[in-house]
Structure formats: structure tokens, C-alpha cells
Amino acid sequence: LQVYLQGGVSQLESWDPKPGTEFGGPFRAIPTSVPGMHISELRPYTAQRMHHLSIVRSINLKTNDHTQGRLFMEKGRRAGE
């Protein structure tokens, strides 16, 4: 199951709070059921069940086009291939 929230909540307020950095979000990072994995304090129920989930925190493409990037993420190949 892929959850894709275009225009959804910021990653800094959900899955990747970046604690202790100048660019971090406004909420604390809390530990999850996966050692070393932290998510926003706004998701305590999810944190308890993190061992059942996966988070992709980095995807890099050679384009700045978010539409093309989204299509690549969903299909595993560039549009038109």
C-alpha cells in the first residue's frame, strides 16, 4: 500500500522531523518500534507500529519536475518508457 499525499502534511511534521537542525520542524521527534528511527510526536500510534511500515526519505532524479518525479516513483520508470 502506497500512501501518496500530494499537498499533504509537511514531512517535517510527520515522517522526517529533522531534530536538532536549523531546518527541523516545530515538533519533537519520538522514537519508534524500529531502533534508531524517529518520527514526529504527532504520530505516537504510528510510532508504536513502525516495524510494520517502510519510509522512503530520499529519492533523487535528474529533473526538478515534480510531476515527472511522481510518475517515476509510482511506475519505477520515466514517463514514456
PDB file of N, CA and C in Angstrom:
ATOM      1  N   LEU A   1       0.840  -1.163   0.000  1.00  0.00           N
ATOM      2  CA  LEU A   1       0.000   0.000   0.000  1.00  0.00           C
ATOM      3  C   LEU A   1       0.886   1.226   0.000  1.00  0.00           C
ATOM      4  N   GLN A   2       0.721   2.072  -0.958  1.00  0.00           N
ATOM      5  CA  GLN A   2       1.465   3.336  -1.043  1.00  0.00           C
ATOM      6  C   GLN A   2       0.530   4.461  -0.641  1.00  0.00           C
ATOM      7  N   VAL A   3       0.978   5.279   0.297  1.00  0.00           N
ATOM      8  CA  VAL A   3       0.203   6.449   0.701  1.00  0.00           C
ATOM      9  C   VAL A   3       0.884   7.666   0.102  1.00  0.00           C
ATOM     10  N   TYR A   4       0.233   8.307  -0.830  1.00  0.00           N
ATOM     11  CA  TYR A   4       0.799   9.477  -1.503  1.00  0.00           C
ATOM     12  C   TYR A   4      -0.099  10.666  -1.210  1.00  0.00           C
ATOM     13  N   LEU A   5       0.434  11.639  -0.500  1.00  0.00           N
ATOM     14  CA  LEU A   5      -0.365  12.792  -0.089  1.00  0.00           C
ATOM     15  C   LEU A   5       0.135  14.051  -0.775  1.00  0.00           C
ATOM     16  N   GLN A   6      -0.226  14.251  -2.021  1.00  0.00           N
ATOM     17  CA  GLN A   6       0.164  15.466  -2.719  1.00  0.00           C
ATOM     18  C   GLN A   6      -0.504  16.644  -2.036  1.00  0.00           C
ATOM     19  N   GLY A   7       0.299  17.596  -1.613  1.00  0.00           N
ATOM     20  CA  GLY A   7      -0.235  18.744  -0.904  1.00  0.00           C
ATOM     21  C   GLY A   7      -0.591  18.421   0.535  1.00  0.00           C
ATOM     22  N   GLY A   8      -0.136  17.278   1.023  1.00  0.00           N
ATOM     23  CA  GLY A   8      -0.441  16.856   2.386  1.00  0.00           C
ATOM     24  C   GLY A   8       0.449  17.522   3.421  1.00  0.00           C
ATOM     25  N   VAL A   9       0.441  16.967   4.596  1.00  0.00           N
ATOM     26  CA  VAL A   9       1.208  17.488   5.720  1.00  0.00           C
ATOM     27  C   VAL A   9       2.712  17.457   5.398  1.00  0.00           C
ATOM     28  N   SER A  10       3.430  18.421   5.897  1.00  0.00           N
ATOM     29  CA  SER A  10       4.870  18.513   5.669  1.00  0.00           C
ATOM     30  C   SER A  10       5.597  17.306   6.255  1.00  0.00           C
ATOM     31  N   GLN A  11       6.655  16.856   5.584  1.00  0.00           N
ATOM     32  CA  GLN A  11       7.456  15.751   6.114  1.00  0.00           C
ATOM     33  C   GLN A  11       8.086  16.123   7.451  1.00  0.00           C
ATOM     34  N   LEU A  12       8.317  17.421   7.687  1.00  0.00           N
ATOM     35  CA  LEU A  12       8.902  17.859   8.954  1.00  0.00           C
ATOM     36  C   LEU A  12       7.918  17.706  10.109  1.00  0.00           C
ATOM     37  N   GLU A  13       6.631  17.615   9.810  1.00  0.00           N
ATOM     38  CA  GLU A  13       5.604  17.454  10.833  1.00  0.00           C
ATOM     39  C   GLU A  13       5.065  16.028  10.866  1.00  0.00           C
ATOM     40  N   SER A  14       5.718  15.126  10.145  1.00  0.00           N
ATOM     41  CA  SER A  14       5.220  13.761  10.106  1.00  0.00           C
ATOM     42  C   SER A  14       6.356  12.744  10.147  1.00  0.00           C
ATOM     43  N   TRP A  15       6.908  12.401   8.996  1.00  0.00           N
ATOM     44  CA  TRP A  15       7.823  11.272   8.888  1.00  0.00           C
ATOM     45  C   TRP A  15       9.290  11.618   9.064  1.00  0.00           C
ATOM     46  N   ASP A  16       9.684  12.856   8.859  1.00  0.00           N
ATOM     47  CA  ASP A  16      11.112  13.212   8.875  1.00  0.00           C
ATOM     48  C   ASP A  16      11.316  14.553   9.574  1.00  0.00           C
ATOM     49  N   PRO A  17      11.177  14.598  10.909  1.00  0.00           N
ATOM     50  CA  PRO A  17      11.196  15.875  11.620  1.00  0.00           C
ATOM     51  C   PRO A  17      12.551  16.584  11.680  1.00  0.00           C
ATOM     52  N   LYS A  18      13.650  15.916  11.384  1.00  0.00           N
ATOM     53  CA  LYS A  18      14.998  16.507  11.379  1.00  0.00           C
ATOM     54  C   LYS A  18      15.309  17.241  12.689  1.00  0.00           C
ATOM     55  N   PRO A  19      15.265  16.536  13.812  1.00  0.00           N
ATOM     56  CA  PRO A  19      15.512  17.187  15.101  1.00  0.00           C
ATOM     57  C   PRO A  19      16.938  17.718  15.217  1.00  0.00           C
ATOM     58  N   GLY A  20      17.075  18.816  15.927  1.00  0.00           N
ATOM     59  CA  GLY A  20      18.395  19.373  16.202  1.00  0.00           C
ATOM     60  C   GLY A  20      19.060  20.053  15.022  1.00  0.00           C
ATOM     61  N   THR A  21      18.304  20.358  13.972  1.00  0.00           N
ATOM     62  CA  THR A  21      18.875  21.051  12.819  1.00  0.00           C
ATOM     63  C   THR A  21      18.174  22.391  12.645  1.00  0.00           C
ATOM     64  N   GLU A  22      18.815  23.276  11.943  1.00  0.00           N
ATOM     65  CA  GLU A  22      18.212  24.594  11.726  1.00  0.00           C
ATOM     66  C   GLU A  22      16.964  24.511  10.848  1.00  0.00           C
ATOM     67  N   PHE A  23      16.844  23.435  10.068  1.00  0.00           N
ATOM     68  CA  PHE A  23      15.702  23.277   9.167  1.00  0.00           C
ATOM     69  C   PHE A  23      14.639  22.333   9.723  1.00  0.00           C
ATOM     70  N   GLY A  24      14.795  21.882  10.951  1.00  0.00           N
ATOM     71  CA  GLY A  24      13.863  20.933  11.543  1.00  0.00           C
ATOM     72  C   GLY A  24      12.474  21.513  11.734  1.00  0.00           C
ATOM     73  N   GLY A  25      11.524  20.626  11.909  1.00  0.00           N
ATOM     74  CA  GLY A  25      10.140  21.042  12.108  1.00  0.00           C
ATOM     75  C   GLY A  25       9.880  21.536  13.522  1.00  0.00           C
ATOM     76  N   PRO A  26       8.659  21.998  13.774  1.00  0.00           N
ATOM     77  CA  PRO A  26       8.320  22.587  15.068  1.00  0.00           C
ATOM     78  C   PRO A  26       8.007  21.566  16.165  1.00  0.00           C
ATOM     79  N   PHE A  27       7.914  20.282  15.820  1.00  0.00           N
ATOM     80  CA  PHE A  27       7.528  19.271  16.798  1.00  0.00           C
ATOM     81  C   PHE A  27       8.703  18.367  17.149  1.00  0.00           C
ATOM     82  N   ARG A  28       8.628  17.751  18.334  1.00  0.00           N
ATOM     83  CA  ARG A  28       9.676  16.832  18.777  1.00  0.00           C
ATOM     84  C   ARG A  28       9.660  15.564  17.928  1.00  0.00           C
ATOM     85  N   ALA A  29      10.824  14.939  17.847  1.00  0.00           N
ATOM     86  CA  ALA A  29      10.925  13.622  17.233  1.00  0.00           C
ATOM     87  C   ALA A  29      10.820  12.592  18.355  1.00  0.00           C
ATOM     88  N   ILE A  30      10.044  11.540  18.127  1.00  0.00           N
ATOM     89  CA  ILE A  30       9.903  10.487  19.129  1.00  0.00           C
ATOM     90  C   ILE A  30      10.427   9.177  18.560  1.00  0.00           C
ATOM     91  N   PRO A  31      10.944   8.301  19.429  1.00  0.00           N
ATOM     92  CA  PRO A  31      11.419   7.002  18.945  1.00  0.00           C
ATOM     93  C   PRO A  31      10.247   6.135  18.499  1.00  0.00           C
ATOM     94  N   THR A  32      10.549   5.206  17.629  1.00  0.00           N
ATOM     95  CA  THR A  32       9.536   4.269  17.139  1.00  0.00           C
ATOM     96  C   THR A  32       9.911   2.856  17.574  1.00  0.00           C
ATOM     97  N   SER A  33       9.138   1.885  17.142  1.00  0.00           N
ATOM     98  CA  SER A  33       9.431   0.485  17.448  1.00  0.00           C
ATOM     99  C   SER A  33      10.613  -0.038  16.639  1.00  0.00           C
ATOM    100  N   VAL A  34      11.158   0.774  15.748  1.00  0.00           N
ATOM    101  CA  VAL A  34      12.359   0.422  14.984  1.00  0.00           C
ATOM    102  C   VAL A  34      13.532   1.179  15.595  1.00  0.00           C
ATOM    103  N   PRO A  35      14.534   0.477  16.116  1.00  0.00           N
ATOM    104  CA  PRO A  35      15.667   1.162  16.744  1.00  0.00           C
ATOM    105  C   PRO A  35      16.312   2.183  15.804  1.00  0.00           C
ATOM    106  N   GLY A  36      16.516   3.398  16.311  1.00  0.00           N
ATOM    107  CA  GLY A  36      17.154   4.454  15.533  1.00  0.00           C
ATOM    108  C   GLY A  36      16.223   5.244  14.630  1.00  0.00           C
ATOM    109  N   MET A  37      14.984   4.815  14.491  1.00  0.00           N
ATOM    110  CA  MET A  37      14.012   5.502  13.631  1.00  0.00           C
ATOM    111  C   MET A  37      13.141   6.407  14.492  1.00  0.00           C
ATOM    112  N   HIS A  38      13.047   7.668  14.097  1.00  0.00           N
ATOM    113  CA  HIS A  38      12.225   8.639  14.819  1.00  0.00           C
ATOM    114  C   HIS A  38      11.248   9.294  13.847  1.00  0.00           C
ATOM    115  N   ILE A  39      10.056   9.590  14.335  1.00  0.00           N
ATOM    116  CA  ILE A  39       9.068  10.341  13.565  1.00  0.00           C
ATOM    117  C   ILE A  39       8.490  11.424  14.473  1.00  0.00           C
ATOM    118  N   SER A  40       7.618  12.228  13.947  1.00  0.00           N
ATOM    119  CA  SER A  40       7.042  13.347  14.696  1.00  0.00           C
ATOM    120  C   SER A  40       6.210  12.878  15.886  1.00  0.00           C
ATOM    121  N   GLU A  41       6.260  13.669  16.939  1.00  0.00           N
ATOM    122  CA  GLU A  41       5.451  13.392  18.127  1.00  0.00           C
ATOM    123  C   GLU A  41       3.952  13.408  17.829  1.00  0.00           C
ATOM    124  N   LEU A  42       3.568  13.917  16.674  1.00  0.00           N
ATOM    125  CA  LEU A  42       2.154  13.932  16.290  1.00  0.00           C
ATOM    126  C   LEU A  42       1.647  12.546  15.887  1.00  0.00           C
ATOM    127  N   ARG A  43       2.546  11.569  15.780  1.00  0.00           N
ATOM    128  CA  ARG A  43       2.175  10.226  15.332  1.00  0.00           C
ATOM    129  C   ARG A  43       2.564   9.144  16.347  1.00  0.00           C
ATOM    130  N   PRO A  44       2.117   9.245  17.591  1.00  0.00           N
ATOM    131  CA  PRO A  44       2.528   8.254  18.591  1.00  0.00           C
ATOM    132  C   PRO A  44       2.003   6.843  18.297  1.00  0.00           C
ATOM    133  N   TYR A  45       0.794   6.717  17.793  1.00  0.00           N
ATOM    134  CA  TYR A  45       0.226   5.406  17.467  1.00  0.00           C
ATOM    135  C   TYR A  45       1.031   4.750  16.341  1.00  0.00           C
ATOM    136  N   THR A  46       1.362   5.536  15.332  1.00  0.00           N
ATOM    137  CA  THR A  46       2.166   5.029  14.220  1.00  0.00           C
ATOM    138  C   THR A  46       3.550   4.630  14.702  1.00  0.00           C
ATOM    139  N   ALA A  47       4.135   5.415  15.603  1.00  0.00           N
ATOM    140  CA  ALA A  47       5.475   5.116  16.124  1.00  0.00           C
ATOM    141  C   ALA A  47       5.521   3.737  16.776  1.00  0.00           C
ATOM    142  N   GLN A  48       4.455   3.345  17.442  1.00  0.00           N
ATOM    143  CA  GLN A  48       4.400   2.039  18.102  1.00  0.00           C
ATOM    144  C   GLN A  48       4.357   0.889  17.096  1.00  0.00           C
ATOM    145  N   ARG A  49       3.923   1.156  15.885  1.00  0.00           N
ATOM    146  CA  ARG A  49       3.754   0.114  14.863  1.00  0.00           C
ATOM    147  C   ARG A  49       4.703   0.276  13.676  1.00  0.00           C
ATOM    148  N   MET A  50       5.723   1.084  13.857  1.00  0.00           N
ATOM    149  CA  MET A  50       6.634   1.398  12.753  1.00  0.00           C
ATOM    150  C   MET A  50       7.313   0.157  12.183  1.00  0.00           C
ATOM    151  N   HIS A  51       7.485  -0.883  12.980  1.00  0.00           N
ATOM    152  CA  HIS A  51       8.122  -2.109  12.490  1.00  0.00           C
ATOM    153  C   HIS A  51       7.300  -2.800  11.393  1.00  0.00           C
ATOM    154  N   HIS A  52       6.077  -2.360  11.178  1.00  0.00           N
ATOM    155  CA  HIS A  52       5.232  -2.895  10.102  1.00  0.00           C
ATOM    156  C   HIS A  52       5.264  -2.018   8.851  1.00  0.00           C
ATOM    157  N   LEU A  53       5.972  -0.894   8.900  1.00  0.00           N
ATOM    158  CA  LEU A  53       5.944   0.091   7.817  1.00  0.00           C
ATOM    159  C   LEU A  53       7.326   0.314   7.225  1.00  0.00           C
ATOM    160  N   SER A  54       7.363   0.999   6.111  1.00  0.00           N
ATOM    161  CA  SER A  54       8.611   1.450   5.482  1.00  0.00           C
ATOM    162  C   SER A  54       8.485   2.930   5.177  1.00  0.00           C
ATOM    163  N   ILE A  55       9.600   3.638   5.296  1.00  0.00           N
ATOM    164  CA  ILE A  55       9.630   5.056   4.944  1.00  0.00           C
ATOM    165  C   ILE A  55      10.748   5.264   3.937  1.00  0.00           C
ATOM    166  N   VAL A  56      10.440   5.920   2.840  1.00  0.00           N
ATOM    167  CA  VAL A  56      11.456   6.344   1.877  1.00  0.00           C
ATOM    168  C   VAL A  56      11.689   7.822   2.131  1.00  0.00           C
ATOM    169  N   ARG A  57      12.896   8.154   2.598  1.00  0.00           N
ATOM    170  CA  ARG A  57      13.189   9.545   2.940  1.00  0.00           C
ATOM    171  C   ARG A  57      14.066  10.231   1.905  1.00  0.00           C
ATOM    172  N   SER A  58      14.453   9.530   0.874  1.00  0.00           N
ATOM    173  CA  SER A  58      15.274  10.180  -0.147  1.00  0.00           C
ATOM    174  C   SER A  58      15.035   9.530  -1.502  1.00  0.00           C
ATOM    175  N   ILE A  59      14.690  10.347  -2.450  1.00  0.00           N
ATOM    176  CA  ILE A  59      14.571   9.938  -3.846  1.00  0.00           C
ATOM    177  C   ILE A  59      15.206  11.050  -4.657  1.00  0.00           C
ATOM    178  N   ASN A  60      16.117  10.701  -5.533  1.00  0.00           N
ATOM    179  CA  ASN A  60      16.790  11.698  -6.360  1.00  0.00           C
ATOM    180  C   ASN A  60      16.591  11.378  -7.830  1.00  0.00           C
ATOM    181  N   LEU A  61      16.216  12.374  -8.592  1.00  0.00           N
ATOM    182  CA  LEU A  61      16.110  12.259 -10.038  1.00  0.00           C
ATOM    183  C   LEU A  61      16.908  13.387 -10.669  1.00  0.00           C
ATOM    184  N   LYS A  62      17.153  13.283 -11.953  1.00  0.00           N
ATOM    185  CA  LYS A  62      17.909  14.323 -12.658  1.00  0.00           C
ATOM    186  C   LYS A  62      16.976  15.362 -13.263  1.00  0.00           C
ATOM    187  N   THR A  63      15.869  15.623 -12.602  1.00  0.00           N
ATOM    188  CA  THR A  63      14.920  16.627 -13.064  1.00  0.00           C
ATOM    189  C   THR A  63      14.346  17.354 -11.853  1.00  0.00           C
ATOM    190  N   ASN A  64      13.952  18.582 -12.045  1.00  0.00           N
ATOM    191  CA  ASN A  64      13.288  19.331 -10.984  1.00  0.00           C
ATOM    192  C   ASN A  64      11.771  19.310 -11.146  1.00  0.00           C
ATOM    193  N   ASP A  65      11.286  18.507 -12.058  1.00  0.00           N
ATOM    194  CA  ASP A  65       9.861  18.418 -12.361  1.00  0.00           C
ATOM    195  C   ASP A  65       9.200  17.417 -11.414  1.00  0.00           C
ATOM    196  N   HIS A  66       8.404  17.900 -10.476  1.00  0.00           N
ATOM    197  CA  HIS A  66       7.771  17.017  -9.502  1.00  0.00           C
ATOM    198  C   HIS A  66       6.788  16.047 -10.145  1.00  0.00           C
ATOM    199  N   THR A  67       6.132  16.454 -11.222  1.00  0.00           N
ATOM    200  CA  THR A  67       5.202  15.550 -11.896  1.00  0.00           C
ATOM    201  C   THR A  67       5.953  14.358 -12.467  1.00  0.00           C
ATOM    202  N   GLN A  68       7.071  14.616 -13.139  1.00  0.00           N
ATOM    203  CA  GLN A  68       7.883  13.524 -13.677  1.00  0.00           C
ATOM    204  C   GLN A  68       8.418  12.643 -12.548  1.00  0.00           C
ATOM    205  N   GLY A  69       8.827  13.272 -11.454  1.00  0.00           N
ATOM    206  CA  GLY A  69       9.321  12.519 -10.302  1.00  0.00           C
ATOM    207  C   GLY A  69       8.254  11.631  -9.691  1.00  0.00           C
ATOM    208  N   ARG A  70       7.037  12.143  -9.594  1.00  0.00           N
ATOM    209  CA  ARG A  70       5.927  11.353  -9.055  1.00  0.00           C
ATOM    210  C   ARG A  70       5.638  10.150  -9.941  1.00  0.00           C
ATOM    211  N   LEU A  71       5.620  10.368 -11.255  1.00  0.00           N
ATOM    212  CA  LEU A  71       5.370   9.261 -12.180  1.00  0.00           C
ATOM    213  C   LEU A  71       6.465   8.208 -12.072  1.00  0.00           C
ATOM    214  N   PHE A  72       7.707   8.648 -11.947  1.00  0.00           N
ATOM    215  CA  PHE A  72       8.823   7.713 -11.799  1.00  0.00           C
ATOM    216  C   PHE A  72       8.657   6.906 -10.512  1.00  0.00           C
ATOM    217  N   MET A  73       8.278   7.568  -9.433  1.00  0.00           N
ATOM    218  CA  MET A  73       8.103   6.895  -8.152  1.00  0.00           C
ATOM    219  C   MET A  73       6.980   5.856  -8.227  1.00  0.00           C
ATOM    220  N   GLU A  74       5.896   6.185  -8.897  1.00  0.00           N
ATOM    221  CA  GLU A  74       4.751   5.283  -8.968  1.00  0.00           C
ATOM    222  C   GLU A  74       4.974   4.112  -9.918  1.00  0.00           C
ATOM    223  N   LYS A  75       5.690   4.353 -11.029  1.00  0.00           N
ATOM    224  CA  LYS A  75       5.837   3.324 -12.059  1.00  0.00           C
ATOM    225  C   LYS A  75       7.196   2.643 -12.064  1.00  0.00           C
ATOM    226  N   GLY A  76       8.206   3.273 -11.444  1.00  0.00           N
ATOM    227  CA  GLY A  76       9.542   2.691 -11.450  1.00  0.00           C
ATOM    228  C   GLY A  76      10.299   2.937 -12.739  1.00  0.00           C
ATOM    229  N   ARG A  77       9.787   3.804 -13.592  1.00  0.00           N
ATOM    230  CA  ARG A  77      10.475   4.164 -14.838  1.00  0.00           C
ATOM    231  C   ARG A  77      10.032   5.561 -15.251  1.00  0.00           C
ATOM    232  N   ARG A  78      10.789   6.168 -16.143  1.00  0.00           N
ATOM    233  CA  ARG A  78      10.445   7.512 -16.609  1.00  0.00           C
ATOM    234  C   ARG A  78       9.181   7.477 -17.462  1.00  0.00           C
ATOM    235  N   ALA A  79       8.475   8.582 -17.490  1.00  0.00           N
ATOM    236  CA  ALA A  79       7.274   8.677 -18.318  1.00  0.00           C
ATOM    237  C   ALA A  79       7.644   8.424 -19.777  1.00  0.00           C
ATOM    238  N   GLY A  80       6.862   7.638 -20.470  1.00  0.00           N
ATOM    239  CA  GLY A  80       7.106   7.348 -21.877  1.00  0.00           C
ATOM    240  C   GLY A  80       7.980   6.127 -22.105  1.00  0.00           C
ATOM    241  N   GLU A  81       8.545   5.564 -21.056  1.00  0.00           N
ATOM    242  CA  GLU A  81       9.384   4.359 -21.229  1.00  0.00           C
ATOM    243  C   GLU A  81       8.557   3.113 -21.057  1.00  0.00           C
TER     244      GLU A  81
END
